[in-house]
Amino acid sequence: MSWLTAPAYASDPCASVLCLYGKAVGQGGGSECRSAEKDFFNILKKKKGSIRWSKIFDARKAFLNQCSTADPAAISKIMSKFGRVRG
């Protein structure tokens, strides 16, 4: 029998959805959400040192969409508020 587990350092898109949605509606998750928020805001795309916001938006959205149980409306709200900002 083999166990398939994600490494402890792996990002959890569902945790990011939960925490960022709370933040988007004014219900911040406090210190428990720091890591999940960091996972999202650390997604950056650069070309020759310049930040590519459209690429960042797409990559962050793809990350959140990995959470199969997330409400698409929640992801849209998160992306409209935080998709193109630094964390």
PDB file of N, CA and C in Angstrom:
ATOM      1  N   MET A   1       0.836  -1.166   0.000  1.00  0.00           N
ATOM      2  CA  MET A   1       0.000   0.000   0.000  1.00  0.00           C
ATOM      3  C   MET A   1       0.891   1.243   0.000  1.00  0.00           C
ATOM      4  N   SER A   2       0.596   2.168  -0.870  1.00  0.00           N
ATOM      5  CA  SER A   2       1.395   3.391  -0.902  1.00  0.00           C
ATOM      6  C   SER A   2       0.520   4.589  -0.579  1.00  0.00           C
ATOM      7  N   TRP A   3       1.109   5.547   0.060  1.00  0.00           N
ATOM      8  CA  TRP A   3       0.401   6.775   0.423  1.00  0.00           C
ATOM      9  C   TRP A   3       0.872   7.889  -0.488  1.00  0.00           C
ATOM     10  N   LEU A   4      -0.066   8.588  -1.059  1.00  0.00           N
ATOM     11  CA  LEU A   4       0.273   9.746  -1.875  1.00  0.00           C
ATOM     12  C   LEU A   4      -0.105  10.987  -1.083  1.00  0.00           C
ATOM     13  N   THR A   5       0.889  11.713  -0.682  1.00  0.00           N
ATOM     14  CA  THR A   5       0.622  12.926   0.081  1.00  0.00           C
ATOM     15  C   THR A   5       1.402  14.077  -0.517  1.00  0.00           C
ATOM     16  N   ALA A   6       0.867  15.252  -0.357  1.00  0.00           N
ATOM     17  CA  ALA A   6       1.572  16.443  -0.806  1.00  0.00           C
ATOM     18  C   ALA A   6       2.632  16.787   0.230  1.00  0.00           C
ATOM     19  N   PRO A   7       3.745  17.317  -0.227  1.00  0.00           N
ATOM     20  CA  PRO A   7       4.762  17.740   0.736  1.00  0.00           C
ATOM     21  C   PRO A   7       4.190  18.803   1.673  1.00  0.00           C
ATOM     22  N   ALA A   8       4.742  18.906   2.841  1.00  0.00           N
ATOM     23  CA  ALA A   8       4.239  19.853   3.836  1.00  0.00           C
ATOM     24  C   ALA A   8       4.338  21.296   3.355  1.00  0.00           C
ATOM     25  N   TYR A   9       5.259  21.554   2.445  1.00  0.00           N
ATOM     26  CA  TYR A   9       5.447  22.919   1.971  1.00  0.00           C
ATOM     27  C   TYR A   9       4.568  23.242   0.762  1.00  0.00           C
ATOM     28  N   ALA A  10       3.779  22.302   0.308  1.00  0.00           N
ATOM     29  CA  ALA A  10       2.956  22.523  -0.884  1.00  0.00           C
ATOM     30  C   ALA A  10       1.877  23.563  -0.605  1.00  0.00           C
ATOM     31  N   SER A  11       1.613  24.379  -1.605  1.00  0.00           N
ATOM     32  CA  SER A  11       0.566  25.390  -1.488  1.00  0.00           C
ATOM     33  C   SER A  11      -0.800  24.721  -1.547  1.00  0.00           C
ATOM     34  N   ASP A  12      -1.724  25.215  -0.768  1.00  0.00           N
ATOM     35  CA  ASP A  12      -3.085  24.691  -0.749  1.00  0.00           C
ATOM     36  C   ASP A  12      -4.015  25.739  -1.348  1.00  0.00           C
ATOM     37  N   PRO A  13      -4.432  25.548  -2.601  1.00  0.00           N
ATOM     38  CA  PRO A  13      -5.289  26.555  -3.229  1.00  0.00           C
ATOM     39  C   PRO A  13      -6.614  26.744  -2.506  1.00  0.00           C
ATOM     40  N   CYS A  14      -7.149  25.690  -1.894  1.00  0.00           N
ATOM     41  CA  CYS A  14      -8.427  25.829  -1.173  1.00  0.00           C
ATOM     42  C   CYS A  14      -8.271  26.714   0.062  1.00  0.00           C
ATOM     43  N   ALA A  15      -7.144  26.595   0.751  1.00  0.00           N
ATOM     44  CA  ALA A  15      -6.890  27.470   1.901  1.00  0.00           C
ATOM     45  C   ALA A  15      -6.775  28.915   1.433  1.00  0.00           C
ATOM     46  N   SER A  16      -6.131  29.114   0.291  1.00  0.00           N
ATOM     47  CA  SER A  16      -6.000  30.472  -0.246  1.00  0.00           C
ATOM     48  C   SER A  16      -7.361  31.043  -0.617  1.00  0.00           C
ATOM     49  N   VAL A  17      -8.222  30.227  -1.236  1.00  0.00           N
ATOM     50  CA  VAL A  17      -9.570  30.692  -1.590  1.00  0.00           C
ATOM     51  C   VAL A  17     -10.321  31.095  -0.326  1.00  0.00           C
ATOM     52  N   LEU A  18     -10.310  30.236   0.661  1.00  0.00           N
ATOM     53  CA  LEU A  18     -11.037  30.503   1.900  1.00  0.00           C
ATOM     54  C   LEU A  18     -10.550  31.792   2.569  1.00  0.00           C
ATOM     55  N   CYS A  19      -9.248  31.920   2.710  1.00  0.00           N
ATOM     56  CA  CYS A  19      -8.692  33.085   3.398  1.00  0.00           C
ATOM     57  C   CYS A  19      -8.858  34.369   2.594  1.00  0.00           C
ATOM     58  N   LEU A  20      -8.596  34.310   1.303  1.00  0.00           N
ATOM     59  CA  LEU A  20      -8.698  35.522   0.489  1.00  0.00           C
ATOM     60  C   LEU A  20     -10.141  35.960   0.305  1.00  0.00           C
ATOM     61  N   TYR A  21     -11.066  35.016   0.246  1.00  0.00           N
ATOM     62  CA  TYR A  21     -12.473  35.408   0.156  1.00  0.00           C
ATOM     63  C   TYR A  21     -12.881  36.132   1.441  1.00  0.00           C
ATOM     64  N   GLY A  22     -12.467  35.597   2.563  1.00  0.00           N
ATOM     65  CA  GLY A  22     -12.749  36.260   3.831  1.00  0.00           C
ATOM     66  C   GLY A  22     -12.189  37.670   3.860  1.00  0.00           C
ATOM     67  N   LYS A  23     -10.968  37.813   3.370  1.00  0.00           N
ATOM     68  CA  LYS A  23     -10.331  39.132   3.325  1.00  0.00           C
ATOM     69  C   LYS A  23     -11.085  40.059   2.370  1.00  0.00           C
ATOM     70  N   ALA A  24     -11.549  39.519   1.248  1.00  0.00           N
ATOM     71  CA  ALA A  24     -12.258  40.323   0.241  1.00  0.00           C
ATOM     72  C   ALA A  24     -13.584  40.861   0.765  1.00  0.00           C
ATOM     73  N   VAL A  25     -14.216  40.130   1.670  1.00  0.00           N
ATOM     74  CA  VAL A  25     -15.512  40.570   2.202  1.00  0.00           C
ATOM     75  C   VAL A  25     -15.381  41.188   3.598  1.00  0.00           C
ATOM     76  N   GLY A  26     -14.138  41.469   4.006  1.00  0.00           N
ATOM     77  CA  GLY A  26     -13.919  42.154   5.268  1.00  0.00           C
ATOM     78  C   GLY A  26     -13.883  41.272   6.496  1.00  0.00           C
ATOM     79  N   GLN A  27     -13.695  39.981   6.299  1.00  0.00           N
ATOM     80  CA  GLN A  27     -13.628  39.024   7.411  1.00  0.00           C
ATOM     81  C   GLN A  27     -12.256  38.355   7.405  1.00  0.00           C
ATOM     82  N   GLY A  28     -11.208  39.110   7.626  1.00  0.00           N
ATOM     83  CA  GLY A  28      -9.852  38.579   7.572  1.00  0.00           C
ATOM     84  C   GLY A  28      -9.660  37.366   8.461  1.00  0.00           C
ATOM     85  N   GLY A  29      -8.820  36.446   8.035  1.00  0.00           N
ATOM     86  CA  GLY A  29      -8.605  35.198   8.758  1.00  0.00           C
ATOM     87  C   GLY A  29      -7.508  35.250   9.792  1.00  0.00           C
ATOM     88  N   GLY A  30      -6.877  36.396   9.947  1.00  0.00           N
ATOM     89  CA  GLY A  30      -5.838  36.525  10.960  1.00  0.00           C
ATOM     90  C   GLY A  30      -4.572  35.760  10.622  1.00  0.00           C
ATOM     91  N   SER A  31      -3.817  35.430  11.653  1.00  0.00           N
ATOM     92  CA  SER A  31      -2.510  34.807  11.453  1.00  0.00           C
ATOM     93  C   SER A  31      -2.611  33.423  10.818  1.00  0.00           C
ATOM     94  N   GLU A  32      -3.752  32.744  10.975  1.00  0.00           N
ATOM     95  CA  GLU A  32      -3.901  31.416  10.371  1.00  0.00           C
ATOM     96  C   GLU A  32      -3.868  31.494   8.848  1.00  0.00           C
ATOM     97  N   CYS A  33      -4.181  32.660   8.313  1.00  0.00           N
ATOM     98  CA  CYS A  33      -4.254  32.813   6.858  1.00  0.00           C
ATOM     99  C   CYS A  33      -2.978  33.380   6.243  1.00  0.00           C
ATOM    100  N   ARG A  34      -2.023  33.741   7.057  1.00  0.00           N
ATOM    101  CA  ARG A  34      -0.817  34.385   6.530  1.00  0.00           C
ATOM    102  C   ARG A  34      -0.143  33.544   5.447  1.00  0.00           C
ATOM    103  N   SER A  35       0.023  32.265   5.694  1.00  0.00           N
ATOM    104  CA  SER A  35       0.691  31.377   4.741  1.00  0.00           C
ATOM    105  C   SER A  35      -0.120  31.217   3.452  1.00  0.00           C
ATOM    106  N   ALA A  36      -1.428  31.050   3.583  1.00  0.00           N
ATOM    107  CA  ALA A  36      -2.288  30.870   2.408  1.00  0.00           C
ATOM    108  C   ALA A  36      -2.310  32.127   1.548  1.00  0.00           C
ATOM    109  N   GLU A  37      -2.324  33.289   2.181  1.00  0.00           N
ATOM    110  CA  GLU A  37      -2.292  34.548   1.435  1.00  0.00           C
ATOM    111  C   GLU A  37      -0.940  34.720   0.753  1.00  0.00           C
ATOM    112  N   LYS A  38       0.121  34.366   1.445  1.00  0.00           N
ATOM    113  CA  LYS A  38       1.468  34.476   0.888  1.00  0.00           C
ATOM    114  C   LYS A  38       1.615  33.588  -0.350  1.00  0.00           C
ATOM    115  N   ASP A  39       1.039  32.381  -0.297  1.00  0.00           N
ATOM    116  CA  ASP A  39       1.098  31.480  -1.455  1.00  0.00           C
ATOM    117  C   ASP A  39       0.524  32.163  -2.696  1.00  0.00           C
ATOM    118  N   PHE A  40      -0.575  32.874  -2.520  1.00  0.00           N
ATOM    119  CA  PHE A  40      -1.238  33.563  -3.627  1.00  0.00           C
ATOM    120  C   PHE A  40      -0.416  34.764  -4.094  1.00  0.00           C
ATOM    121  N   PHE A  41      -0.029  35.618  -3.165  1.00  0.00           N
ATOM    122  CA  PHE A  41       0.665  36.851  -3.537  1.00  0.00           C
ATOM    123  C   PHE A  41       2.093  36.620  -4.006  1.00  0.00           C
ATOM    124  N   ASN A  42       2.668  35.467  -3.715  1.00  0.00           N
ATOM    125  CA  ASN A  42       4.012  35.156  -4.197  1.00  0.00           C
ATOM    126  C   ASN A  42       4.019  34.721  -5.658  1.00  0.00           C
ATOM    127  N   ILE A  43       2.861  34.558  -6.260  1.00  0.00           N
ATOM    128  CA  ILE A  43       2.793  34.210  -7.677  1.00  0.00           C
ATOM    129  C   ILE A  43       3.057  35.488  -8.470  1.00  0.00           C
ATOM    130  N   LEU A  44       4.233  35.564  -9.056  1.00  0.00           N
ATOM    131  CA  LEU A  44       4.638  36.735  -9.841  1.00  0.00           C
ATOM    132  C   LEU A  44       5.192  36.278 -11.181  1.00  0.00           C
ATOM    133  N   LYS A  45       4.960  37.064 -12.203  1.00  0.00           N
ATOM    134  CA  LYS A  45       5.500  36.789 -13.532  1.00  0.00           C
ATOM    135  C   LYS A  45       6.230  38.042 -13.988  1.00  0.00           C
ATOM    136  N   LYS A  46       7.481  37.859 -14.383  1.00  0.00           N
ATOM    137  CA  LYS A  46       8.285  38.995 -14.831  1.00  0.00           C
ATOM    138  C   LYS A  46       8.939  38.668 -16.160  1.00  0.00           C
ATOM    139  N   LYS A  47       9.212  39.707 -16.904  1.00  0.00           N
ATOM    140  CA  LYS A  47       9.965  39.564 -18.141  1.00  0.00           C
ATOM    141  C   LYS A  47      10.967  40.703 -18.169  1.00  0.00           C
ATOM    142  N   LYS A  48      12.238  40.349 -18.189  1.00  0.00           N
ATOM    143  CA  LYS A  48      13.318  41.330 -18.169  1.00  0.00           C
ATOM    144  C   LYS A  48      13.164  42.292 -16.995  1.00  0.00           C
ATOM    145  N   GLY A  49      12.777  41.758 -15.855  1.00  0.00           N
ATOM    146  CA  GLY A  49      12.649  42.556 -14.651  1.00  0.00           C
ATOM    147  C   GLY A  49      11.352  43.328 -14.508  1.00  0.00           C
ATOM    148  N   SER A  50      10.533  43.346 -15.543  1.00  0.00           N
ATOM    149  CA  SER A  50       9.260  44.073 -15.484  1.00  0.00           C
ATOM    150  C   SER A  50       8.135  43.128 -15.080  1.00  0.00           C
ATOM    151  N   ILE A  51       7.303  43.599 -14.179  1.00  0.00           N
ATOM    152  CA  ILE A  51       6.161  42.798 -13.733  1.00  0.00           C
ATOM    153  C   ILE A  51       5.119  42.742 -14.838  1.00  0.00           C
ATOM    154  N   ARG A  52       4.626  41.547 -15.112  1.00  0.00           N
ATOM    155  CA  ARG A  52       3.611  41.324 -16.148  1.00  0.00           C
ATOM    156  C   ARG A  52       2.283  41.040 -15.462  1.00  0.00           C
ATOM    157  N   TRP A  53       1.491  42.087 -15.189  1.00  0.00           N
ATOM    158  CA  TRP A  53       0.273  41.928 -14.400  1.00  0.00           C
ATOM    159  C   TRP A  53      -0.761  41.016 -15.047  1.00  0.00           C
ATOM    160  N   SER A  54      -0.880  41.041 -16.363  1.00  0.00           N
ATOM    161  CA  SER A  54      -1.873  40.161 -16.996  1.00  0.00           C
ATOM    162  C   SER A  54      -1.480  38.696 -16.825  1.00  0.00           C
ATOM    163  N   LYS A  55      -0.195  38.403 -16.896  1.00  0.00           N
ATOM    164  CA  LYS A  55       0.287  37.024 -16.695  1.00  0.00           C
ATOM    165  C   LYS A  55       0.123  36.609 -15.230  1.00  0.00           C
ATOM    166  N   ILE A  56       0.367  37.550 -14.317  1.00  0.00           N
ATOM    167  CA  ILE A  56       0.189  37.264 -12.895  1.00  0.00           C
ATOM    168  C   ILE A  56      -1.274  36.946 -12.613  1.00  0.00           C
ATOM    169  N   PHE A  57      -2.169  37.755 -13.161  1.00  0.00           N
ATOM    170  CA  PHE A  57      -3.603  37.545 -12.971  1.00  0.00           C
ATOM    171  C   PHE A  57      -3.990  36.138 -13.417  1.00  0.00           C
ATOM    172  N   ASP A  58      -3.550  35.756 -14.616  1.00  0.00           N
ATOM    173  CA  ASP A  58      -3.877  34.428 -15.152  1.00  0.00           C
ATOM    174  C   ASP A  58      -3.304  33.305 -14.287  1.00  0.00           C
ATOM    175  N   ALA A  59      -2.065  33.470 -13.831  1.00  0.00           N
ATOM    176  CA  ALA A  59      -1.421  32.434 -13.017  1.00  0.00           C
ATOM    177  C   ALA A  59      -2.093  32.307 -11.649  1.00  0.00           C
ATOM    178  N   ARG A  60      -2.451  33.438 -11.056  1.00  0.00           N
ATOM    179  CA  ARG A  60      -3.126  33.401  -9.757  1.00  0.00           C
ATOM    180  C   ARG A  60      -4.507  32.762  -9.884  1.00  0.00           C
ATOM    181  N   LYS A  61      -5.210  33.093 -10.952  1.00  0.00           N
ATOM    182  CA  LYS A  61      -6.538  32.505 -11.165  1.00  0.00           C
ATOM    183  C   LYS A  61      -6.423  30.995 -11.372  1.00  0.00           C
ATOM    184  N   ALA A  62      -5.435  30.570 -12.147  1.00  0.00           N
ATOM    185  CA  ALA A  62      -5.223  29.135 -12.376  1.00  0.00           C
ATOM    186  C   ALA A  62      -4.915  28.423 -11.056  1.00  0.00           C
ATOM    187  N   PHE A  63      -4.136  29.068 -10.197  1.00  0.00           N
ATOM    188  CA  PHE A  63      -3.829  28.495  -8.881  1.00  0.00           C
ATOM    189  C   PHE A  63      -5.107  28.297  -8.067  1.00  0.00           C
ATOM    190  N   LEU A  64      -5.943  29.327  -7.986  1.00  0.00           N
ATOM    191  CA  LEU A  64      -7.184  29.219  -7.213  1.00  0.00           C
ATOM    192  C   LEU A  64      -8.131  28.191  -7.815  1.00  0.00           C
ATOM    193  N   ASN A  65      -8.148  28.089  -9.140  1.00  0.00           N
ATOM    194  CA  ASN A  65      -9.034  27.131  -9.812  1.00  0.00           C
ATOM    195  C   ASN A  65      -8.634  25.679  -9.563  1.00  0.00           C
ATOM    196  N   GLN A  66      -7.458  25.449  -8.997  1.00  0.00           N
ATOM    197  CA  GLN A  66      -7.057  24.086  -8.632  1.00  0.00           C
ATOM    198  C   GLN A  66      -7.888  23.558  -7.466  1.00  0.00           C
ATOM    199  N   CYS A  67      -8.571  24.449  -6.772  1.00  0.00           N
ATOM    200  CA  CYS A  67      -9.462  24.032  -5.682  1.00  0.00           C
ATOM    201  C   CYS A  67     -10.811  23.689  -6.305  1.00  0.00           C
ATOM    202  N   SER A  68     -11.067  22.410  -6.470  1.00  0.00           N
ATOM    203  CA  SER A  68     -12.271  21.965  -7.183  1.00  0.00           C
ATOM    204  C   SER A  68     -13.563  22.285  -6.442  1.00  0.00           C
ATOM    205  N   THR A  69     -13.484  22.523  -5.142  1.00  0.00           N
ATOM    206  CA  THR A  69     -14.696  22.800  -4.372  1.00  0.00           C
ATOM    207  C   THR A  69     -14.990  24.293  -4.236  1.00  0.00           C
ATOM    208  N   ALA A  70     -14.135  25.120  -4.803  1.00  0.00           N
ATOM    209  CA  ALA A  70     -14.317  26.575  -4.669  1.00  0.00           C
ATOM    210  C   ALA A  70     -15.466  27.070  -5.538  1.00  0.00           C
ATOM    211  N   ASP A  71     -16.231  27.984  -5.002  1.00  0.00           N
ATOM    212  CA  ASP A  71     -17.320  28.632  -5.727  1.00  0.00           C
ATOM    213  C   ASP A  71     -16.708  29.584  -6.758  1.00  0.00           C
ATOM    214  N   PRO A  72     -17.047  29.430  -8.045  1.00  0.00           N
ATOM    215  CA  PRO A  72     -16.497  30.323  -9.072  1.00  0.00           C
ATOM    216  C   PRO A  72     -16.758  31.802  -8.775  1.00  0.00           C
ATOM    217  N   ALA A  73     -17.879  32.109  -8.136  1.00  0.00           N
ATOM    218  CA  ALA A  73     -18.171  33.507  -7.781  1.00  0.00           C
ATOM    219  C   ALA A  73     -17.179  34.016  -6.737  1.00  0.00           C
ATOM    220  N   ALA A  74     -16.771  33.146  -5.828  1.00  0.00           N
ATOM    221  CA  ALA A  74     -15.786  33.534  -4.814  1.00  0.00           C
ATOM    222  C   ALA A  74     -14.442  33.808  -5.473  1.00  0.00           C
ATOM    223  N   ILE A  75     -14.057  32.956  -6.415  1.00  0.00           N
ATOM    224  CA  ILE A  75     -12.795  33.165  -7.124  1.00  0.00           C
ATOM    225  C   ILE A  75     -12.844  34.469  -7.909  1.00  0.00           C
ATOM    226  N   SER A  76     -13.967  34.754  -8.547  1.00  0.00           N
ATOM    227  CA  SER A  76     -14.103  36.015  -9.290  1.00  0.00           C
ATOM    228  C   SER A  76     -13.956  37.216  -8.370  1.00  0.00           C
ATOM    229  N   LYS A  77     -14.554  37.140  -7.202  1.00  0.00           N
ATOM    230  CA  LYS A  77     -14.462  38.247  -6.237  1.00  0.00           C
ATOM    231  C   LYS A  77     -13.018  38.437  -5.782  1.00  0.00           C
ATOM    232  N   ILE A  78     -12.348  37.336  -5.487  1.00  0.00           N
ATOM    233  CA  ILE A  78     -10.941  37.392  -5.073  1.00  0.00           C
ATOM    234  C   ILE A  78     -10.092  38.016  -6.175  1.00  0.00           C
ATOM    235  N   MET A  79     -10.293  37.548  -7.401  1.00  0.00           N
ATOM    236  CA  MET A  79      -9.478  38.034  -8.508  1.00  0.00           C
ATOM    237  C   MET A  79      -9.741  39.507  -8.802  1.00  0.00           C
ATOM    238  N   SER A  80     -10.991  39.943  -8.682  1.00  0.00           N
ATOM    239  CA  SER A  80     -11.273  41.350  -8.961  1.00  0.00           C
ATOM    240  C   SER A  80     -10.635  42.252  -7.906  1.00  0.00           C
ATOM    241  N   LYS A  81     -10.501  41.748  -6.700  1.00  0.00           N
ATOM    242  CA  LYS A  81      -9.927  42.559  -5.620  1.00  0.00           C
ATOM    243  C   LYS A  81      -8.403  42.428  -5.524  1.00  0.00           C
ATOM    244  N   PHE A  82      -7.871  41.216  -5.710  1.00  0.00           N
ATOM    245  CA  PHE A  82      -6.455  40.969  -5.452  1.00  0.00           C
ATOM    246  C   PHE A  82      -5.652  40.447  -6.644  1.00  0.00           C
ATOM    247  N   GLY A  83      -6.278  40.237  -7.782  1.00  0.00           N
ATOM    248  CA  GLY A  83      -5.596  39.615  -8.911  1.00  0.00           C
ATOM    249  C   GLY A  83      -4.410  40.376  -9.455  1.00  0.00           C
ATOM    250  N   ARG A  84      -4.444  41.701  -9.323  1.00  0.00           N
ATOM    251  CA  ARG A  84      -3.376  42.522  -9.893  1.00  0.00           C
ATOM    252  C   ARG A  84      -2.708  43.425  -8.859  1.00  0.00           C
ATOM    253  N   VAL A  85      -2.636  42.949  -7.626  1.00  0.00           N
ATOM    254  CA  VAL A  85      -1.988  43.757  -6.590  1.00  0.00           C
ATOM    255  C   VAL A  85      -0.873  42.965  -5.918  1.00  0.00           C
ATOM    256  N   ARG A  86       0.061  43.699  -5.350  1.00  0.00           N
ATOM    257  CA  ARG A  86       1.112  43.056  -4.560  1.00  0.00           C
ATOM    258  C   ARG A  86       0.555  42.748  -3.187  1.00  0.00           C
ATOM    259  N   GLY A  87       1.037  41.678  -2.589  1.00  0.00           N
ATOM    260  CA  GLY A  87       0.519  41.258  -1.292  1.00  0.00           C
ATOM    261  C   GLY A  87       1.057  41.957  -0.140  1.00  0.00           C
TER     262      GLY A  87
END
